[in-house]
C-alpha atoms as a PDB file:
ATOM      1  CA  UNK A   1     183.359  70.795 156.478  1.00  0.00           C
ATOM      2  CA  UNK A   2     181.908  70.632 152.941  1.00  0.00           C
ATOM      3  CA  UNK A   3     180.195  74.012 152.863  1.00  0.00           C
ATOM      4  CA  UNK A   4     179.347  73.871 149.160  1.00  0.00           C
ATOM      5  CA  UNK A   5     177.005  70.907 149.672  1.00  0.00           C
ATOM      6  CA  UNK A   6     175.012  72.619 152.424  1.00  0.00           C
ATOM      7  CA  UNK A   7     171.614  74.198 151.580  1.00  0.00           C
ATOM      8  CA  UNK A   8     171.860  77.979 151.448  1.00  0.00           C
ATOM      9  CA  UNK A   9     169.698  81.075 151.079  1.00  0.00           C
ATOM     10  CA  UNK A  10     170.787  84.276 149.350  1.00  0.00           C
ATOM     11  CA  UNK A  11     168.834  87.423 150.158  1.00  0.00           C
ATOM     12  CA  UNK A  12     171.182  90.145 148.857  1.00  0.00           C
ATOM     13  CA  UNK A  13     172.435  89.475 145.336  1.00  0.00           C
ATOM     14  CA  UNK A  14     172.516  92.200 142.660  1.00  0.00           C
ATOM     15  CA  UNK A  15     171.633  90.815 139.247  1.00  0.00           C
ATOM     16  CA  UNK A  16     173.872  93.364 137.508  1.00  0.00           C
ATOM     17  CA  UNK A  17     176.740  92.415 139.825  1.00  0.00           C
ATOM     18  CA  UNK A  18     176.753  88.700 139.134  1.00  0.00           C
ATOM     19  CA  UNK A  19     177.324  88.207 135.404  1.00  0.00           C
ATOM     20  CA  UNK A  20     179.682  85.629 133.949  1.00  0.00           C
ATOM     21  CA  UNK A  21     182.669  87.349 132.250  1.00  0.00           C
ATOM     22  CA  UNK A  22     182.179  85.277 129.074  1.00  0.00           C
ATOM     23  CA  UNK A  23     178.546  86.354 128.905  1.00  0.00           C
ATOM     24  CA  UNK A  24     179.573  90.009 129.134  1.00  0.00           C
ATOM     25  CA  UNK A  25     181.990  89.493 126.233  1.00  0.00           C
ATOM     26  CA  UNK A  26     179.384  87.797 124.042  1.00  0.00           C
ATOM     27  CA  UNK A  27     176.597  90.285 124.758  1.00  0.00           C
ATOM     28  CA  UNK A  28     178.956  93.256 124.349  1.00  0.00           C
ATOM     29  CA  UNK A  29     180.022  91.997 120.911  1.00  0.00           C
ATOM     30  CA  UNK A  30     176.398  91.978 119.770  1.00  0.00           C
ATOM     31  CA  UNK A  31     175.842  95.629 120.683  1.00  0.00           C
ATOM     32  CA  UNK A  32     179.312  96.979 119.885  1.00  0.00           C
ATOM     33  CA  UNK A  33     180.167  97.824 123.486  1.00  0.00           C
ATOM     34  CA  UNK A  34     183.892  98.185 124.179  1.00  0.00           C
ATOM     35  CA  UNK A  35     185.296  96.292 127.165  1.00  0.00           C
ATOM     36  CA  UNK A  36     188.559  96.708 129.114  1.00  0.00           C
ATOM     37  CA  UNK A  37     189.562  93.091 128.292  1.00  0.00           C
ATOM     38  CA  UNK A  38     188.663  90.649 125.544  1.00  0.00           C
ATOM     39  CA  UNK A  39     188.874  87.236 127.196  1.00  0.00           C
ATOM     40  CA  UNK A  40     186.930  85.917 130.156  1.00  0.00           C
ATOM     41  CA  UNK A  41     189.937  85.381 132.440  1.00  0.00           C
ATOM     42  CA  UNK A  42     191.351  88.876 131.962  1.00  0.00           C
ATOM     43  CA  UNK A  43     187.928  90.512 132.166  1.00  0.00           C
ATOM     44  CA  UNK A  44     187.107  88.706 135.399  1.00  0.00           C
ATOM     45  CA  UNK A  45     190.443  89.814 136.835  1.00  0.00           C
ATOM     46  CA  UNK A  46     189.766  93.426 135.736  1.00  0.00           C
ATOM     47  CA  UNK A  47     186.420  93.421 137.572  1.00  0.00           C
ATOM     48  CA  UNK A  48     187.981  92.027 140.759  1.00  0.00           C
ATOM     49  CA  UNK A  49     190.957  94.418 140.652  1.00  0.00           C
ATOM     50  CA  UNK A  50     188.697  97.410 140.035  1.00  0.00           C
ATOM     51  CA  UNK A  51     186.473  96.468 142.940  1.00  0.00           C
ATOM     52  CA  UNK A  52     189.533  96.075 145.185  1.00  0.00           C
ATOM     53  CA  UNK A  53     191.271  99.239 144.001  1.00  0.00           C
ATOM     54  CA  UNK A  54     189.990 101.475 146.763  1.00  0.00           C
ATOM     55  CA  UNK A  55     188.768 103.872 144.078  1.00  0.00           C
ATOM     56  CA  UNK A  56     185.022 104.471 144.080  1.00  0.00           C
ATOM     57  CA  UNK A  57     185.267 105.707 140.484  1.00  0.00           C
ATOM     58  CA  UNK A  58     186.799 102.414 139.328  1.00  0.00           C
ATOM     59  CA  UNK A  59     184.329 100.392 141.388  1.00  0.00           C
ATOM     60  CA  UNK A  60     181.345 102.164 139.830  1.00  0.00           C
ATOM     61  CA  UNK A  61     182.846 101.824 136.361  1.00  0.00           C
ATOM     62  CA  UNK A  62     182.405  98.073 136.591  1.00  0.00           C
ATOM     63  CA  UNK A  63     178.633  98.507 136.533  1.00  0.00           C
ATOM     64  CA  UNK A  64     178.834 100.632 133.397  1.00  0.00           C
ATOM     65  CA  UNK A  65     179.812  97.474 131.555  1.00  0.00           C
ATOM     66  CA  UNK A  66     177.374  95.035 133.142  1.00  0.00           C
ATOM     67  CA  UNK A  67     174.377  97.345 132.818  1.00  0.00           C
ATOM     68  CA  UNK A  68     175.332  98.133 129.200  1.00  0.00           C
ATOM     69  CA  UNK A  69     174.865  94.506 128.143  1.00  0.00           C
ATOM     70  CA  UNK A  70     171.537  94.199 130.013  1.00  0.00           C
ATOM     71  CA  UNK A  71     169.521  96.601 127.843  1.00  0.00           C
ATOM     72  CA  UNK A  72     167.750  94.038 125.672  1.00  0.00           C
ATOM     73  CA  UNK A  73     165.246  91.300 126.405  1.00  0.00           C
ATOM     74  CA  UNK A  74     167.853  88.735 125.340  1.00  0.00           C
ATOM     75  CA  UNK A  75     170.500  90.181 127.661  1.00  0.00           C
ATOM     76  CA  UNK A  76     168.222  90.415 130.688  1.00  0.00           C
ATOM     77  CA  UNK A  77     166.777  86.945 130.162  1.00  0.00           C
ATOM     78  CA  UNK A  78     170.191  85.334 129.736  1.00  0.00           C
ATOM     79  CA  UNK A  79     171.743  87.029 132.761  1.00  0.00           C
ATOM     80  CA  UNK A  80     168.798  86.019 134.958  1.00  0.00           C
ATOM     81  CA  UNK A  81     168.863  82.437 133.671  1.00  0.00           C
ATOM     82  CA  UNK A  82     172.603  82.056 134.262  1.00  0.00           C
ATOM     83  CA  UNK A  83     172.308  83.565 137.743  1.00  0.00           C
ATOM     84  CA  UNK A  84     169.892  80.809 138.728  1.00  0.00           C
ATOM     85  CA  UNK A  85     172.168  78.107 137.310  1.00  0.00           C
ATOM     86  CA  UNK A  86     175.216  79.536 139.088  1.00  0.00           C
ATOM     87  CA  UNK A  87     173.386  79.881 142.401  1.00  0.00           C
ATOM     88  CA  UNK A  88     172.051  76.347 142.206  1.00  0.00           C
ATOM     89  CA  UNK A  89     175.613  75.142 141.611  1.00  0.00           C
ATOM     90  CA  UNK A  90     176.381  76.424 145.123  1.00  0.00           C
ATOM     91  CA  UNK A  91     173.310  74.605 146.478  1.00  0.00           C
ATOM     92  CA  UNK A  92     171.363  77.819 147.010  1.00  0.00           C
ATOM     93  CA  UNK A  93     167.749  76.718 147.475  1.00  0.00           C
ATOM     94  CA  UNK A  94     166.199  80.197 147.596  1.00  0.00           C
ATOM     95  CA  UNK A  95     167.516  83.437 146.132  1.00  0.00           C
ATOM     96  CA  UNK A  96     166.185  86.953 145.886  1.00  0.00           C
ATOM     97  CA  UNK A  97     167.789  88.834 143.009  1.00  0.00           C
ATOM     98  CA  UNK A  98     167.630  92.611 143.083  1.00  0.00           C
ATOM     99  CA  UNK A  99     168.042  95.031 140.231  1.00  0.00           C
ATOM    100  CA  UNK A 100     166.833  98.453 139.064  1.00  0.00           C
ATOM    101  CA  UNK A 101     164.568  98.313 135.982  1.00  0.00           C
ATOM    102  CA  UNK A 102     164.958 102.074 135.426  1.00  0.00           C
ATOM    103  CA  UNK A 103     168.589 101.442 134.440  1.00  0.00           C
ATOM    104  CA  UNK A 104     167.662  99.062 131.620  1.00  0.00           C
ATOM    105  CA  UNK A 105     165.588 101.200 129.259  1.00  0.00           C
ATOM    106  CA  UNK A 106     168.285 102.465 126.870  1.00  0.00           C
ATOM    107  CA  UNK A 107     167.287 100.137 124.008  1.00  0.00           C
ATOM    108  CA  UNK A 108     163.579 100.895 124.133  1.00  0.00           C
ATOM    109  CA  UNK A 109     162.223  98.335 126.584  1.00  0.00           C
ATOM    110  CA  UNK A 110     159.439  99.438 128.907  1.00  0.00           C
ATOM    111  CA  UNK A 111     159.688  98.943 132.653  1.00  0.00           C
ATOM    112  CA  UNK A 112     157.192  96.089 132.521  1.00  0.00           C
ATOM    113  CA  UNK A 113     159.046  94.414 129.657  1.00  0.00           C
ATOM    114  CA  UNK A 114     162.300  94.425 131.631  1.00  0.00           C
ATOM    115  CA  UNK A 115     160.650  92.728 134.618  1.00  0.00           C
ATOM    116  CA  UNK A 116     159.018  90.157 132.338  1.00  0.00           C
ATOM    117  CA  UNK A 117     162.338  89.406 130.609  1.00  0.00           C
ATOM    118  CA  UNK A 118     164.101  88.809 133.919  1.00  0.00           C
ATOM    119  CA  UNK A 119     161.254  86.601 135.123  1.00  0.00           C
ATOM    120  CA  UNK A 120     161.443  84.543 131.926  1.00  0.00           C
ATOM    121  CA  UNK A 121     165.124  83.940 132.633  1.00  0.00           C
ATOM    122  CA  UNK A 122     164.530  83.026 136.263  1.00  0.00           C
ATOM    123  CA  UNK A 123     161.798  80.584 135.345  1.00  0.00           C
ATOM    124  CA  UNK A 124     163.890  78.960 132.625  1.00  0.00           C
ATOM    125  CA  UNK A 125     166.731  78.550 135.107  1.00  0.00           C
ATOM    126  CA  UNK A 126     164.498  77.062 137.805  1.00  0.00           C
ATOM    127  CA  UNK A 127     162.984  74.625 135.296  1.00  0.00           C
ATOM    128  CA  UNK A 128     166.427  73.483 134.156  1.00  0.00           C
ATOM    129  CA  UNK A 129     167.644  72.988 137.725  1.00  0.00           C
ATOM    130  CA  UNK A 130     164.555  70.901 138.445  1.00  0.00           C
ATOM    131  CA  UNK A 131     165.133  68.835 135.285  1.00  0.00           C
ATOM    132  CA  UNK A 132     168.619  68.073 136.576  1.00  0.00           C
ATOM    133  CA  UNK A 133     167.157  66.835 139.864  1.00  0.00           C
ATOM    134  CA  UNK A 134     167.972  69.968 141.867  1.00  0.00           C
ATOM    135  CA  UNK A 135     165.847  72.559 143.648  1.00  0.00           C
ATOM    136  CA  UNK A 136     165.878  76.342 143.699  1.00  0.00           C
ATOM    137  CA  UNK A 137     163.194  78.970 144.170  1.00  0.00           C
ATOM    138  CA  UNK A 138     163.715  82.631 143.275  1.00  0.00           C
ATOM    139  CA  UNK A 139     162.120  86.037 143.624  1.00  0.00           C
ATOM    140  CA  UNK A 140     162.802  89.473 142.174  1.00  0.00           C
ATOM    141  CA  UNK A 141     163.455  92.508 144.353  1.00  0.00           C
ATOM    142  CA  UNK A 142     162.547  95.464 142.163  1.00  0.00           C
ATOM    143  CA  UNK A 143     164.789  98.366 143.110  1.00  0.00           C
ATOM    144  CA  UNK A 144     164.546 102.131 142.719  1.00  0.00           C
ATOM    145  CA  UNK A 145     167.676 104.275 142.541  1.00  0.00           C
ATOM    146  CA  UNK A 146     167.699 106.468 145.614  1.00  0.00           C
ATOM    147  CA  UNK A 147     169.290 109.473 143.862  1.00  0.00           C
ATOM    148  CA  UNK A 148     166.634 109.476 141.111  1.00  0.00           C
ATOM    149  CA  UNK A 149     163.033 110.618 141.210  1.00  0.00           C
ATOM    150  CA  UNK A 150     161.232 107.470 140.068  1.00  0.00           C
ATOM    151  CA  UNK A 151     160.511 105.811 143.413  1.00  0.00           C
ATOM    152  CA  UNK A 152     156.738 105.904 143.096  1.00  0.00           C
ATOM    153  CA  UNK A 153     156.818 104.666 139.510  1.00  0.00           C
ATOM    154  CA  UNK A 154     159.056 101.742 140.460  1.00  0.00           C
ATOM    155  CA  UNK A 155     156.952 100.953 143.532  1.00  0.00           C
ATOM    156  CA  UNK A 156     153.865 100.710 141.343  1.00  0.00           C
ATOM    157  CA  UNK A 157     155.816  98.501 138.937  1.00  0.00           C
ATOM    158  CA  UNK A 158     156.751  96.148 141.772  1.00  0.00           C
ATOM    159  CA  UNK A 159     153.157  95.852 142.966  1.00  0.00           C
ATOM    160  CA  UNK A 160     151.904  95.220 139.417  1.00  0.00           C
ATOM    161  CA  UNK A 161     154.158  92.164 139.258  1.00  0.00           C
ATOM    162  CA  UNK A 162     153.662  90.927 142.821  1.00  0.00           C
ATOM    163  CA  UNK A 163     151.979  87.735 141.629  1.00  0.00           C
ATOM    164  CA  UNK A 164     154.381  87.279 138.721  1.00  0.00           C
ATOM    165  CA  UNK A 165     157.766  86.872 140.373  1.00  0.00           C
ATOM    166  CA  UNK A 166     158.378  90.129 142.248  1.00  0.00           C
ATOM    167  CA  UNK A 167     158.527  89.551 146.001  1.00  0.00           C
ATOM    168  CA  UNK A 168     159.765  92.872 147.376  1.00  0.00           C
ATOM    169  CA  UNK A 169     161.061  96.415 146.886  1.00  0.00           C
ATOM    170  CA  UNK A 170     164.401  98.060 147.640  1.00  0.00           C
ATOM    171  CA  UNK A 171     166.218 101.333 147.093  1.00  0.00           C
ATOM    172  CA  UNK A 172     169.893 101.259 146.122  1.00  0.00           C
ATOM    173  CA  UNK A 173     172.649 103.579 144.949  1.00  0.00           C
ATOM    174  CA  UNK A 174     174.421 106.328 146.867  1.00  0.00           C
ATOM    175  CA  UNK A 175     173.318 106.047 150.484  1.00  0.00           C
ATOM    176  CA  UNK A 176     174.921 109.127 152.011  1.00  0.00           C
ATOM    177  CA  UNK A 177     172.841 112.216 151.329  1.00  0.00           C
ATOM    178  CA  UNK A 178     169.888 110.255 149.962  1.00  0.00           C
ATOM    179  CA  UNK A 179     167.769 109.143 152.905  1.00  0.00           C
ATOM    180  CA  UNK A 180     164.793 106.860 152.309  1.00  0.00           C
ATOM    181  CA  UNK A 181     162.422 109.711 153.156  1.00  0.00           C
ATOM    182  CA  UNK A 182     163.132 111.139 149.693  1.00  0.00           C
ATOM    183  CA  UNK A 183     160.899 108.283 148.493  1.00  0.00           C
ATOM    184  CA  UNK A 184     158.306 108.665 151.241  1.00  0.00           C
ATOM    185  CA  UNK A 185     155.386 108.644 148.804  1.00  0.00           C
ATOM    186  CA  UNK A 186     156.566 105.323 147.379  1.00  0.00           C
ATOM    187  CA  UNK A 187     157.060 103.740 150.793  1.00  0.00           C
ATOM    188  CA  UNK A 188     153.649 104.989 151.983  1.00  0.00           C
ATOM    189  CA  UNK A 189     152.080 103.426 148.896  1.00  0.00           C
ATOM    190  CA  UNK A 190     153.898 100.120 149.447  1.00  0.00           C
ATOM    191  CA  UNK A 191     152.792 100.049 153.086  1.00  0.00           C
ATOM    192  CA  UNK A 192     149.187 100.596 152.017  1.00  0.00           C
ATOM    193  CA  UNK A 193     149.574  97.737 149.537  1.00  0.00           C
ATOM    194  CA  UNK A 194     151.101  95.501 152.245  1.00  0.00           C
ATOM    195  CA  UNK A 195     154.172  95.013 150.075  1.00  0.00           C
ATOM    196  CA  UNK A 196     157.456  94.097 151.799  1.00  0.00           C
ATOM    197  CA  UNK A 197     160.547  96.310 151.651  1.00  0.00           C
ATOM    198  CA  UNK A 198     164.220  95.895 152.317  1.00  0.00           C
ATOM    199  CA  UNK A 199     166.346  99.036 152.303  1.00  0.00           C
ATOM    200  CA  UNK A 200     170.074  99.513 151.758  1.00  0.00           C
ATOM    201  CA  UNK A 201     171.170 101.191 154.986  1.00  0.00           C
ATOM    202  CA  UNK A 202     174.165 101.115 157.300  1.00  0.00           C
ATOM    203  CA  UNK A 203     176.684 100.475 154.516  1.00  0.00           C
ATOM    204  CA  UNK A 204     177.928 103.900 153.392  1.00  0.00           C
ATOM    205  CA  UNK A 205     176.082 105.884 156.060  1.00  0.00           C
ATOM    206  CA  UNK A 206     175.386 105.446 159.727  1.00  0.00           C
ATOM    207  CA  UNK A 207     172.658 105.135 162.322  1.00  0.00           C
ATOM    208  CA  UNK A 208     170.403 107.920 161.008  1.00  0.00           C
ATOM    209  CA  UNK A 209     170.213 106.181 157.640  1.00  0.00           C
ATOM    210  CA  UNK A 210     169.202 102.969 159.393  1.00  0.00           C
ATOM    211  CA  UNK A 211     166.644 104.811 161.501  1.00  0.00           C
ATOM    212  CA  UNK A 212     165.072 106.356 158.406  1.00  0.00           C
ATOM    213  CA  UNK A 213     165.030 103.001 156.611  1.00  0.00           C
ATOM    214  CA  UNK A 214     162.918 101.705 159.492  1.00  0.00           C
ATOM    215  CA  UNK A 215     160.731 104.784 159.942  1.00  0.00           C
ATOM    216  CA  UNK A 216     160.201 106.035 156.378  1.00  0.00           C
ATOM    217  CA  UNK A 217     160.898 102.759 154.582  1.00  0.00           C
ATOM    218  CA  UNK A 218     159.183 100.393 157.039  1.00  0.00           C
ATOM    219  CA  UNK A 219     162.133  98.121 156.300  1.00  0.00           C
ATOM    220  CA  UNK A 220     161.617  94.490 157.273  1.00  0.00           C
ATOM    221  CA  UNK A 221     165.295  93.862 156.457  1.00  0.00           C
ATOM    222  CA  UNK A 222     168.371  96.077 156.186  1.00  0.00           C
ATOM    223  CA  UNK A 223     170.678  95.867 153.182  1.00  0.00           C
ATOM    224  CA  UNK A 224     174.056  95.334 154.896  1.00  0.00           C
ATOM    225  CA  UNK A 225     173.252  97.213 158.125  1.00  0.00           C
ATOM    226  CA  UNK A 226     176.776  96.699 159.483  1.00  0.00           C
ATOM    227  CA  UNK A 227     177.093 100.286 160.744  1.00  0.00           C
ATOM    228  CA  UNK A 228     174.368  99.495 163.248  1.00  0.00           C
ATOM    229  CA  UNK A 229     177.365  98.695 165.446  1.00  0.00           C
ATOM    230  CA  UNK A 230     177.793 102.480 165.826  1.00  0.00           C
ATOM    231  CA  UNK A 231     174.650 102.404 167.995  1.00  0.00           C
ATOM    232  CA  UNK A 232     176.111  99.817 170.350  1.00  0.00           C
ATOM    233  CA  UNK A 233     178.235 100.955 173.280  1.00  0.00           C
ATOM    234  CA  UNK A 234     180.859  98.763 174.907  1.00  0.00           C
ATOM    235  CA  UNK A 235     182.593  99.449 178.191  1.00  0.00           C
ATOM    236  CA  UNK A 236     184.795  97.450 180.526  1.00  0.00           C
ATOM    237  CA  UNK A 237     183.504  96.617 183.955  1.00  0.00           C
ATOM    238  CA  UNK A 238     185.718  95.264 186.715  1.00  0.00           C
ATOM    239  CA  UNK A 239     187.748  92.421 185.361  1.00  0.00           C
ATOM    240  CA  UNK A 240     187.442  91.541 181.692  1.00  0.00           C
ATOM    241  CA  UNK A 241     183.664  91.636 181.388  1.00  0.00           C
ATOM    242  CA  UNK A 242     182.189  93.775 178.603  1.00  0.00           C
ATOM    243  CA  UNK A 243     179.111  95.823 179.400  1.00  0.00           C
ATOM    244  CA  UNK A 244     177.034  96.191 176.243  1.00  0.00           C
ATOM    245  CA  UNK A 245     174.363  98.868 175.872  1.00  0.00           C
ATOM    246  CA  UNK A 246     172.188  98.980 172.759  1.00  0.00           C
ATOM    247  CA  UNK A 247     171.148 102.396 171.514  1.00  0.00           C
ATOM    248  CA  UNK A 248     167.498 102.941 170.543  1.00  0.00           C
ATOM    249  CA  UNK A 249     167.909 102.028 166.865  1.00  0.00           C
ATOM    250  CA  UNK A 250     169.997  98.928 167.607  1.00  0.00           C
ATOM    251  CA  UNK A 251     167.487  97.916 170.287  1.00  0.00           C
ATOM    252  CA  UNK A 252     164.600  98.236 167.829  1.00  0.00           C
ATOM    253  CA  UNK A 253     166.374  96.161 165.171  1.00  0.00           C
ATOM    254  CA  UNK A 254     167.383  93.548 167.739  1.00  0.00           C
ATOM    255  CA  UNK A 255     164.030  93.200 169.490  1.00  0.00           C
ATOM    256  CA  UNK A 256     162.002  92.964 166.301  1.00  0.00           C
ATOM    257  CA  UNK A 257     164.316  90.554 164.546  1.00  0.00           C
ATOM    258  CA  UNK A 258     164.936  92.817 161.569  1.00  0.00           C
ATOM    259  CA  UNK A 259     167.357  90.820 159.437  1.00  0.00           C
ATOM    260  CA  UNK A 260     170.768  92.216 158.501  1.00  0.00           C
ATOM    261  CA  UNK A 261     171.806  91.321 154.943  1.00  0.00           C
ATOM    262  CA  UNK A 262     175.557  91.361 155.521  1.00  0.00           C
ATOM    263  CA  UNK A 263     177.995  90.697 152.663  1.00  0.00           C
ATOM    264  CA  UNK A 264     181.449  90.142 154.204  1.00  0.00           C
ATOM    265  CA  UNK A 265     183.733  90.539 151.157  1.00  0.00           C
ATOM    266  CA  UNK A 266     181.779  93.465 149.759  1.00  0.00           C
ATOM    267  CA  UNK A 267     181.600  95.161 153.151  1.00  0.00           C
ATOM    268  CA  UNK A 268     185.390  94.993 153.384  1.00  0.00           C
ATOM    269  CA  UNK A 269     185.846  96.311 149.833  1.00  0.00           C
ATOM    270  CA  UNK A 270     183.526  99.282 150.326  1.00  0.00           C
ATOM    271  CA  UNK A 271     184.904 100.235 153.743  1.00  0.00           C
ATOM    272  CA  UNK A 272     181.555  99.691 155.429  1.00  0.00           C
ATOM    273  CA  UNK A 273     183.253  98.968 158.776  1.00  0.00           C
ATOM    274  CA  UNK A 274     186.438 101.014 158.371  1.00  0.00           C
ATOM    275  CA  UNK A 275     185.725 102.646 161.729  1.00  0.00           C
ATOM    276  CA  UNK A 276     186.655  99.276 163.256  1.00  0.00           C
ATOM    277  CA  UNK A 277     189.558  98.313 161.025  1.00  0.00           C
ATOM    278  CA  UNK A 278     190.517  97.126 157.573  1.00  0.00           C
ATOM    279  CA  UNK A 279     190.667  93.340 157.862  1.00  0.00           C
ATOM    280  CA  UNK A 280     187.921  90.731 157.841  1.00  0.00           C
ATOM    281  CA  UNK A 281     188.588  90.093 161.522  1.00  0.00           C
ATOM    282  CA  UNK A 282     187.334  93.641 162.155  1.00  0.00           C
ATOM    283  CA  UNK A 283     183.948  92.959 160.539  1.00  0.00           C
ATOM    284  CA  UNK A 284     181.203  93.486 163.155  1.00  0.00           C
ATOM    285  CA  UNK A 285     179.406  90.335 161.978  1.00  0.00           C
ATOM    286  CA  UNK A 286     180.561  88.309 164.969  1.00  0.00           C
ATOM    287  CA  UNK A 287     179.673  91.049 167.446  1.00  0.00           C
ATOM    288  CA  UNK A 288     176.177  91.312 165.996  1.00  0.00           C
ATOM    289  CA  UNK A 289     175.728  87.542 165.932  1.00  0.00           C
ATOM    290  CA  UNK A 290     176.885  87.101 169.533  1.00  0.00           C
ATOM    291  CA  UNK A 291     174.469  89.835 170.638  1.00  0.00           C
ATOM    292  CA  UNK A 292     171.543  88.007 169.054  1.00  0.00           C
ATOM    293  CA  UNK A 293     170.914  90.084 165.947  1.00  0.00           C
ATOM    294  CA  UNK A 294     169.363  88.240 163.002  1.00  0.00           C
ATOM    295  CA  UNK A 295     172.439  88.155 160.762  1.00  0.00           C
ATOM    296  CA  UNK A 296     172.405  86.643 157.294  1.00  0.00           C
ATOM    297  CA  UNK A 297     175.291  86.002 154.899  1.00  0.00           C
ATOM    298  CA  UNK A 298     175.197  87.222 151.312  1.00  0.00           C
ATOM    299  CA  UNK A 299     177.363  87.974 148.282  1.00  0.00           C
ATOM    300  CA  UNK A 300     176.170  91.435 147.135  1.00  0.00           C
ATOM    301  CA  UNK A 301     178.016  91.406 143.776  1.00  0.00           C
ATOM    302  CA  UNK A 302     179.415  87.991 142.899  1.00  0.00           C
ATOM    303  CA  UNK A 303     181.386  89.241 139.884  1.00  0.00           C
ATOM    304  CA  UNK A 304     182.966  92.305 141.481  1.00  0.00           C
ATOM    305  CA  UNK A 305     183.897  90.490 144.671  1.00  0.00           C
ATOM    306  CA  UNK A 306     184.914  87.312 142.795  1.00  0.00           C
ATOM    307  CA  UNK A 307     182.800  85.340 145.215  1.00  0.00           C
ATOM    308  CA  UNK A 308     179.863  83.052 145.818  1.00  0.00           C
ATOM    309  CA  UNK A 309     177.906  82.096 148.907  1.00  0.00           C
ATOM    310  CA  UNK A 310     180.152  79.121 149.641  1.00  0.00           C
ATOM    311  CA  UNK A 311     183.219  81.403 149.657  1.00  0.00           C
ATOM    312  CA  UNK A 312     181.530  83.943 151.934  1.00  0.00           C
ATOM    313  CA  UNK A 313     180.680  81.271 154.486  1.00  0.00           C
ATOM    314  CA  UNK A 314     184.205  79.824 154.262  1.00  0.00           C
ATOM    315  CA  UNK A 315     185.625  83.293 154.950  1.00  0.00           C
ATOM    316  CA  UNK A 316     183.518  83.599 158.100  1.00  0.00           C
ATOM    317  CA  UNK A 317     184.515  80.115 159.272  1.00  0.00           C
ATOM    318  CA  UNK A 318     188.197  80.903 158.716  1.00  0.00           C
ATOM    319  CA  UNK A 319     187.906  84.299 160.419  1.00  0.00           C
ATOM    320  CA  UNK A 320     185.652  83.556 163.385  1.00  0.00           C
ATOM    321  CA  UNK A 321     185.839  79.781 163.753  1.00  0.00           C
ATOM    322  CA  UNK A 322     182.149  79.108 163.226  1.00  0.00           C
ATOM    323  CA  UNK A 323     180.739  75.603 163.545  1.00  0.00           C
ATOM    324  CA  UNK A 324     178.201  73.765 161.419  1.00  0.00           C
ATOM    325  CA  UNK A 325     175.545  74.812 163.941  1.00  0.00           C
ATOM    326  CA  UNK A 326     176.435  78.482 163.428  1.00  0.00           C
ATOM    327  CA  UNK A 327     176.209  78.174 159.644  1.00  0.00           C
ATOM    328  CA  UNK A 328     172.826  76.509 160.020  1.00  0.00           C
ATOM    329  CA  UNK A 329     171.600  79.401 162.151  1.00  0.00           C
ATOM    330  CA  UNK A 330     172.631  81.910 159.487  1.00  0.00           C
ATOM    331  CA  UNK A 331     170.575  80.008 156.907  1.00  0.00           C
ATOM    332  CA  UNK A 332     167.580  79.670 159.215  1.00  0.00           C
ATOM    333  CA  UNK A 333     167.754  83.418 159.855  1.00  0.00           C
ATOM    334  CA  UNK A 334     167.627  84.002 156.108  1.00  0.00           C
ATOM    335  CA  UNK A 335     164.724  81.586 155.640  1.00  0.00           C
ATOM    336  CA  UNK A 336     162.731  83.349 158.344  1.00  0.00           C
ATOM    337  CA  UNK A 337     163.422  86.715 156.698  1.00  0.00           C
ATOM    338  CA  UNK A 338     162.632  85.647 153.125  1.00  0.00           C
ATOM    339  CA  UNK A 339     159.858  87.563 151.399  1.00  0.00           C
ATOM    340  CA  UNK A 340     157.712  84.456 151.073  1.00  0.00           C
ATOM    341  CA  UNK A 341     154.567  83.171 152.725  1.00  0.00           C
ATOM    342  CA  UNK A 342     154.802  81.294 156.007  1.00  0.00           C
ATOM    343  CA  UNK A 343     154.330  77.824 154.444  1.00  0.00           C
ATOM    344  CA  UNK A 344     157.118  78.521 151.935  1.00  0.00           C
ATOM    345  CA  UNK A 345     159.455  79.770 154.664  1.00  0.00           C
ATOM    346  CA  UNK A 346     158.721  76.718 156.804  1.00  0.00           C
ATOM    347  CA  UNK A 347     159.485  74.490 153.817  1.00  0.00           C
ATOM    348  CA  UNK A 348     162.834  76.230 153.363  1.00  0.00           C
ATOM    349  CA  UNK A 349     163.637  75.822 157.060  1.00  0.00           C
ATOM    350  CA  UNK A 350     162.798  72.118 156.886  1.00  0.00           C
ATOM    351  CA  UNK A 351     165.120  71.726 153.875  1.00  0.00           C
ATOM    352  CA  UNK A 352     167.917  73.537 155.723  1.00  0.00           C
ATOM    353  CA  UNK A 353     167.537  71.454 158.869  1.00  0.00           C
ATOM    354  CA  UNK A 354     167.456  68.242 156.850  1.00  0.00           C
ATOM    355  CA  UNK A 355     170.510  69.212 154.793  1.00  0.00           C
ATOM    356  CA  UNK A 356     172.567  70.156 157.829  1.00  0.00           C
ATOM    357  CA  UNK A 357     171.479  67.022 159.716  1.00  0.00           C
ATOM    358  CA  UNK A 358     172.798  64.919 156.843  1.00  0.00           C
ATOM    359  CA  UNK A 359     176.122  66.774 157.018  1.00  0.00           C
ATOM    360  CA  UNK A 360     176.682  65.916 160.677  1.00  0.00           C
END
């Protein structure tokens, strides 16, 4: 199965988690930022080892370096451009890239200037892919940091750029202790503006975080959402039959087709499903898929997890034995959940079905 050649959709990809190591080195040299390694191979290995260390401090330190080199228009534009090129290399036909503009103001850029710089990079990348005979469409997910107090400001920023590349809003950062209702004013405003939201929930916290993402955040998708499995009860009946009972939050997510933006490698690294075990075989992805939840497959942070969307799908095939038909369903789920208009989503679904039909 040639997974790389298949058309793919990426809904959960952090712009500041997907830089090329060589780009970090070159941008750091221009601003005098010190790095833990001075060649691309060693730096890439340092990022992967830090992310796999089991130390939250070391994991978070990786972003100190990526964010540091994304404080100028040049840095933001280049990182966005290269992200598009790298995604297209994996035959990603639609990608939503999320990032937090409030973290990129250290060199004097305004919030609007940061969004414009990223959009310039995305558009340059899309144009180059098209010139090469390829196809990719992108959108920005403007993100507020959940521990900060700028939710309303960032929500207004997102809406200002809704017709200039920004397709949705998210909150990210420390999940536990920072429920979405801390940004209730922002989410109320976005609802009034009919602006779509995805919310990180069910990664580092449990069912109540997911519930609040739905209630306060009006989340149309859940960032990761793997701890939704805590609201699903399993019991043995006579024989070997499992009786499955969905709790109220799981039932709501299931019945309304709220998409789960799972990221297998990242979920394992961050311990998102440690209540089930510490190997990929313990990931609740297969349980959720078999129960009919709208699961999607994503990378989260391509640099830190040393991954891409092809690798993530290969991991799931190796772990759970998925077929071509299963992989197609994951992509169709993502197309249906994309923050695009209905005609655009239908076009993506047609491209997926055509690409998978050719692979059979």
